[in-house]
N, C-alpha and C. Protein backbone atom coordinates (compact mmCIF):
# COMPACT_ATOMS: atom_id res chain seq x y z
N VAL A 1 -15.48 -62.75 4.19
CA VAL A 1 -15.33 -63.52 5.41
C VAL A 1 -16.54 -64.41 5.63
N PHE A 2 -17.72 -63.86 5.51
CA PHE A 2 -18.91 -64.62 5.87
C PHE A 2 -19.33 -65.60 4.78
N HIS A 3 -18.76 -65.50 3.58
CA HIS A 3 -18.98 -66.53 2.56
C HIS A 3 -18.32 -67.84 2.99
N GLU A 4 -17.24 -67.73 3.73
CA GLU A 4 -16.49 -68.90 4.19
C GLU A 4 -17.18 -69.62 5.35
N LYS A 5 -18.05 -68.92 6.07
CA LYS A 5 -18.74 -69.46 7.24
C LYS A 5 -17.75 -70.07 8.25
N PRO A 6 -16.88 -69.24 8.80
CA PRO A 6 -15.88 -69.77 9.75
C PRO A 6 -16.52 -70.22 11.06
N ASP A 7 -15.88 -71.18 11.71
CA ASP A 7 -16.32 -71.62 13.03
C ASP A 7 -16.02 -70.55 14.08
N TYR A 8 -14.91 -69.84 13.87
CA TYR A 8 -14.49 -68.78 14.78
C TYR A 8 -14.04 -67.59 13.94
N PHE A 9 -14.18 -66.42 14.51
CA PHE A 9 -13.80 -65.20 13.81
C PHE A 9 -13.23 -64.23 14.84
N VAL A 10 -12.04 -63.72 14.59
CA VAL A 10 -11.41 -62.78 15.51
C VAL A 10 -11.03 -61.53 14.74
N LEU A 11 -11.42 -60.40 15.25
CA LEU A 11 -11.05 -59.11 14.69
C LEU A 11 -10.16 -58.43 15.72
N ALA A 12 -8.98 -57.98 15.29
CA ALA A 12 -8.02 -57.40 16.23
C ALA A 12 -7.69 -55.96 15.84
N TRP A 13 -7.54 -55.12 16.86
CA TRP A 13 -7.16 -53.72 16.69
C TRP A 13 -5.90 -53.44 17.48
N ASP A 14 -5.11 -52.51 16.99
CA ASP A 14 -4.01 -51.98 17.80
C ASP A 14 -4.62 -51.17 18.93
N ALA A 15 -4.12 -51.36 20.14
CA ALA A 15 -4.56 -50.53 21.26
C ALA A 15 -3.96 -49.14 21.08
N PRO A 16 -4.65 -48.10 21.52
CA PRO A 16 -4.14 -46.73 21.32
C PRO A 16 -3.00 -46.37 22.26
N HIS A 17 -2.56 -47.30 23.07
CA HIS A 17 -1.50 -47.05 24.05
C HIS A 17 -0.15 -47.50 23.51
N LYS A 18 0.89 -47.12 24.21
CA LYS A 18 2.22 -47.62 23.86
C LYS A 18 2.27 -49.12 24.13
N THR A 19 3.13 -49.80 23.39
CA THR A 19 3.22 -51.25 23.51
C THR A 19 4.46 -51.66 24.30
N ILE A 20 4.56 -52.95 24.54
CA ILE A 20 5.74 -53.47 25.22
C ILE A 20 7.00 -53.20 24.40
N ARG A 21 6.85 -53.08 23.10
CA ARG A 21 8.01 -52.79 22.25
C ARG A 21 8.54 -51.37 22.50
N HIS A 22 7.65 -50.45 22.81
CA HIS A 22 8.08 -49.08 23.14
C HIS A 22 8.93 -49.07 24.41
N GLU A 23 8.60 -49.94 25.35
CA GLU A 23 9.38 -50.03 26.59
C GLU A 23 10.76 -50.61 26.32
N GLN A 24 10.83 -51.54 25.36
CA GLN A 24 12.10 -52.20 25.04
C GLN A 24 12.97 -51.35 24.12
N PHE A 25 12.32 -50.55 23.28
CA PHE A 25 13.04 -49.76 22.28
C PHE A 25 12.33 -48.42 22.14
N ALA A 26 12.87 -47.39 22.74
CA ALA A 26 12.22 -46.08 22.81
C ALA A 26 11.87 -45.51 21.43
N GLU A 27 12.65 -45.83 20.42
CA GLU A 27 12.42 -45.29 19.09
C GLU A 27 11.47 -46.13 18.24
N TYR A 28 10.83 -47.13 18.85
CA TYR A 28 9.95 -48.01 18.09
C TYR A 28 8.87 -47.19 17.37
N LYS A 29 8.82 -47.34 16.07
CA LYS A 29 7.88 -46.63 15.19
C LYS A 29 8.00 -45.11 15.34
N GLY A 30 9.15 -44.65 15.76
CA GLY A 30 9.36 -43.22 15.97
C GLY A 30 9.33 -42.40 14.69
N GLN A 31 9.56 -43.04 13.56
CA GLN A 31 9.56 -42.34 12.28
C GLN A 31 8.17 -42.21 11.67
N ARG A 32 7.20 -42.91 12.23
CA ARG A 32 5.85 -42.88 11.66
C ARG A 32 5.14 -41.60 12.07
N PRO A 33 4.46 -40.98 11.11
CA PRO A 33 3.68 -39.78 11.47
C PRO A 33 2.46 -40.18 12.29
N GLU A 34 1.96 -39.24 13.08
CA GLU A 34 0.75 -39.50 13.86
C GLU A 34 -0.42 -39.65 12.90
N LEU A 35 -1.39 -40.47 13.28
CA LEU A 35 -2.57 -40.67 12.45
C LEU A 35 -3.35 -39.36 12.33
N PRO A 36 -3.83 -39.05 11.13
CA PRO A 36 -4.65 -37.85 10.97
C PRO A 36 -5.94 -37.96 11.79
N ASP A 37 -6.45 -36.83 12.25
CA ASP A 37 -7.66 -36.82 13.08
C ASP A 37 -8.84 -37.45 12.37
N ASP A 38 -8.99 -37.21 11.05
CA ASP A 38 -10.13 -37.79 10.35
C ASP A 38 -10.03 -39.31 10.29
N PHE A 39 -8.81 -39.85 10.22
CA PHE A 39 -8.65 -41.31 10.22
C PHE A 39 -8.96 -41.87 11.61
N LYS A 40 -8.55 -41.16 12.66
CA LYS A 40 -8.88 -41.58 14.02
C LYS A 40 -10.41 -41.62 14.19
N HIS A 41 -11.08 -40.63 13.62
CA HIS A 41 -12.54 -40.59 13.68
C HIS A 41 -13.14 -41.79 12.95
N GLN A 42 -12.58 -42.13 11.79
CA GLN A 42 -13.06 -43.29 11.03
C GLN A 42 -12.89 -44.58 11.84
N ILE A 43 -11.78 -44.69 12.55
CA ILE A 43 -11.56 -45.87 13.39
C ILE A 43 -12.62 -45.95 14.49
N ARG A 44 -12.87 -44.82 15.15
CA ARG A 44 -13.90 -44.79 16.21
C ARG A 44 -15.27 -45.18 15.65
N MET A 45 -15.61 -44.64 14.49
CA MET A 45 -16.90 -44.95 13.86
C MET A 45 -16.98 -46.43 13.47
N THR A 46 -15.90 -46.96 12.94
CA THR A 46 -15.86 -48.37 12.55
C THR A 46 -16.05 -49.26 13.77
N LYS A 47 -15.37 -48.93 14.87
CA LYS A 47 -15.53 -49.71 16.10
C LYS A 47 -16.97 -49.63 16.61
N HIS A 48 -17.57 -48.46 16.50
CA HIS A 48 -18.96 -48.30 16.93
C HIS A 48 -19.89 -49.19 16.09
N ILE A 49 -19.69 -49.18 14.78
CA ILE A 49 -20.51 -50.01 13.89
C ILE A 49 -20.32 -51.49 14.21
N ILE A 50 -19.07 -51.89 14.41
CA ILE A 50 -18.78 -53.29 14.75
C ILE A 50 -19.47 -53.67 16.06
N ASP A 51 -19.44 -52.77 17.04
CA ASP A 51 -20.14 -53.02 18.31
C ASP A 51 -21.64 -53.18 18.08
N GLU A 52 -22.21 -52.29 17.28
CA GLU A 52 -23.65 -52.34 17.00
C GLU A 52 -24.05 -53.62 16.28
N LEU A 53 -23.15 -54.15 15.46
CA LEU A 53 -23.42 -55.41 14.76
C LEU A 53 -23.20 -56.63 15.65
N GLY A 54 -22.69 -56.39 16.84
CA GLY A 54 -22.47 -57.49 17.77
C GLY A 54 -21.23 -58.32 17.47
N ILE A 55 -20.31 -57.74 16.73
CA ILE A 55 -19.07 -58.45 16.40
C ILE A 55 -18.04 -58.15 17.48
N ASN A 56 -17.48 -59.20 18.04
CA ASN A 56 -16.48 -59.05 19.09
C ASN A 56 -15.13 -58.75 18.46
N TYR A 57 -14.39 -57.86 19.08
CA TYR A 57 -13.03 -57.61 18.62
C TYR A 57 -12.10 -57.58 19.82
N GLN A 58 -10.83 -57.82 19.55
CA GLN A 58 -9.82 -57.83 20.60
C GLN A 58 -8.92 -56.61 20.47
N GLU A 59 -8.70 -55.95 21.58
CA GLU A 59 -7.79 -54.81 21.66
C GLU A 59 -7.18 -54.88 23.05
N ILE A 60 -5.91 -55.22 23.11
CA ILE A 60 -5.26 -55.48 24.39
C ILE A 60 -4.19 -54.43 24.64
N PRO A 61 -4.33 -53.63 25.71
CA PRO A 61 -3.31 -52.62 26.01
C PRO A 61 -1.92 -53.25 26.10
N GLY A 62 -0.96 -52.59 25.46
CA GLY A 62 0.42 -53.07 25.47
C GLY A 62 0.77 -53.95 24.29
N TYR A 63 -0.24 -54.32 23.49
CA TYR A 63 0.00 -55.21 22.36
C TYR A 63 -0.60 -54.63 21.09
N GLU A 64 -0.01 -55.02 19.96
CA GLU A 64 -0.52 -54.60 18.66
C GLU A 64 -1.44 -55.69 18.11
N ALA A 65 -2.24 -55.32 17.13
CA ALA A 65 -3.15 -56.28 16.52
C ALA A 65 -2.40 -57.49 15.97
N ASP A 66 -1.21 -57.27 15.39
CA ASP A 66 -0.49 -58.42 14.84
C ASP A 66 -0.03 -59.39 15.93
N ASP A 67 0.21 -58.89 17.15
CA ASP A 67 0.52 -59.79 18.27
C ASP A 67 -0.68 -60.68 18.59
N ILE A 68 -1.86 -60.07 18.60
CA ILE A 68 -3.09 -60.81 18.88
C ILE A 68 -3.34 -61.84 17.78
N ILE A 69 -3.21 -61.40 16.53
CA ILE A 69 -3.44 -62.29 15.40
C ILE A 69 -2.48 -63.48 15.45
N ALA A 70 -1.21 -63.21 15.68
CA ALA A 70 -0.22 -64.30 15.73
C ALA A 70 -0.53 -65.28 16.84
N THR A 71 -0.89 -64.78 18.01
CA THR A 71 -1.19 -65.66 19.15
C THR A 71 -2.41 -66.52 18.87
N VAL A 72 -3.48 -65.90 18.38
CA VAL A 72 -4.71 -66.65 18.10
C VAL A 72 -4.46 -67.66 16.98
N ALA A 73 -3.75 -67.26 15.94
CA ALA A 73 -3.48 -68.15 14.81
C ALA A 73 -2.66 -69.37 15.25
N LYS A 74 -1.60 -69.13 16.00
CA LYS A 74 -0.76 -70.25 16.46
C LYS A 74 -1.53 -71.19 17.38
N ARG A 75 -2.30 -70.63 18.30
CA ARG A 75 -3.08 -71.48 19.21
C ARG A 75 -4.14 -72.27 18.44
N GLY A 76 -4.80 -71.61 17.51
CA GLY A 76 -5.80 -72.32 16.70
C GLY A 76 -5.18 -73.46 15.91
N ALA A 77 -4.04 -73.21 15.30
CA ALA A 77 -3.35 -74.25 14.54
C ALA A 77 -2.93 -75.40 15.45
N GLN A 78 -2.44 -75.08 16.65
CA GLN A 78 -2.03 -76.12 17.60
C GLN A 78 -3.21 -76.97 18.05
N GLU A 79 -4.39 -76.38 18.05
CA GLU A 79 -5.60 -77.11 18.45
C GLU A 79 -6.24 -77.85 17.28
N GLY A 80 -5.58 -77.81 16.11
CA GLY A 80 -6.05 -78.57 14.96
C GLY A 80 -6.96 -77.82 14.01
N HIS A 81 -7.11 -76.52 14.18
CA HIS A 81 -7.95 -75.73 13.29
C HIS A 81 -7.16 -75.27 12.07
N HIS A 82 -7.86 -75.13 10.95
CA HIS A 82 -7.26 -74.48 9.79
C HIS A 82 -7.51 -72.98 9.98
N VAL A 83 -6.47 -72.19 9.93
CA VAL A 83 -6.55 -70.76 10.23
C VAL A 83 -6.30 -69.95 8.97
N GLU A 84 -7.15 -68.96 8.74
CA GLU A 84 -6.95 -68.01 7.65
C GLU A 84 -6.80 -66.63 8.25
N ILE A 85 -5.81 -65.89 7.78
CA ILE A 85 -5.56 -64.53 8.25
C ILE A 85 -5.82 -63.58 7.09
N MET A 86 -6.62 -62.57 7.34
CA MET A 86 -6.89 -61.54 6.34
C MET A 86 -6.34 -60.23 6.86
N THR A 87 -5.26 -59.77 6.24
CA THR A 87 -4.60 -58.55 6.67
C THR A 87 -3.75 -58.01 5.53
N SER A 88 -3.45 -56.73 5.60
CA SER A 88 -2.52 -56.14 4.63
C SER A 88 -1.10 -56.12 5.20
N ASP A 89 -0.93 -56.57 6.43
CA ASP A 89 0.37 -56.57 7.10
C ASP A 89 1.25 -57.69 6.54
N LYS A 90 2.27 -57.32 5.82
CA LYS A 90 3.16 -58.29 5.17
C LYS A 90 3.93 -59.13 6.19
N ASP A 91 4.12 -58.63 7.40
CA ASP A 91 4.83 -59.39 8.43
C ASP A 91 4.11 -60.69 8.79
N MET A 92 2.82 -60.74 8.55
CA MET A 92 2.05 -61.94 8.89
C MET A 92 2.45 -63.14 8.03
N LYS A 93 3.15 -62.89 6.93
CA LYS A 93 3.62 -64.00 6.09
C LYS A 93 4.52 -64.95 6.87
N ALA A 94 5.14 -64.45 7.92
CA ALA A 94 6.03 -65.28 8.75
C ALA A 94 5.26 -66.41 9.45
N LEU A 95 3.94 -66.29 9.55
CA LEU A 95 3.13 -67.30 10.23
C LEU A 95 2.70 -68.44 9.31
N ILE A 96 2.88 -68.27 8.02
CA ILE A 96 2.37 -69.25 7.06
C ILE A 96 2.99 -70.63 7.29
N CYS A 97 2.10 -71.61 7.40
CA CYS A 97 2.50 -73.01 7.50
C CYS A 97 1.33 -73.84 6.96
N ASP A 98 1.37 -75.15 7.10
CA ASP A 98 0.31 -75.99 6.55
C ASP A 98 -1.08 -75.65 7.09
N SER A 99 -1.17 -75.26 8.35
CA SER A 99 -2.48 -75.01 8.94
C SER A 99 -2.84 -73.53 9.05
N ILE A 100 -1.92 -72.65 8.66
CA ILE A 100 -2.20 -71.21 8.67
C ILE A 100 -1.99 -70.67 7.27
């Protein structure tokens, strides 16, 4: 990321709360197993390190990280920025266009 020297950088996390999708569809992600405790600990530690490094991240109750990424990417593209998304989430391919 920092080799590219971006003008803006956004890091997004899923909020630990239920999302608006859970309200619309009770079974949303119902088949997924709960995260293991050691992975939850790794997430907390990673967030702590990111805070200590002074890196801002977005975590919005009711929304998933991909919602945040999609919103920021679309707004950035509309404002004339070239947007790059780094994620393992295959759903983000739906955002690909000339400026994203």
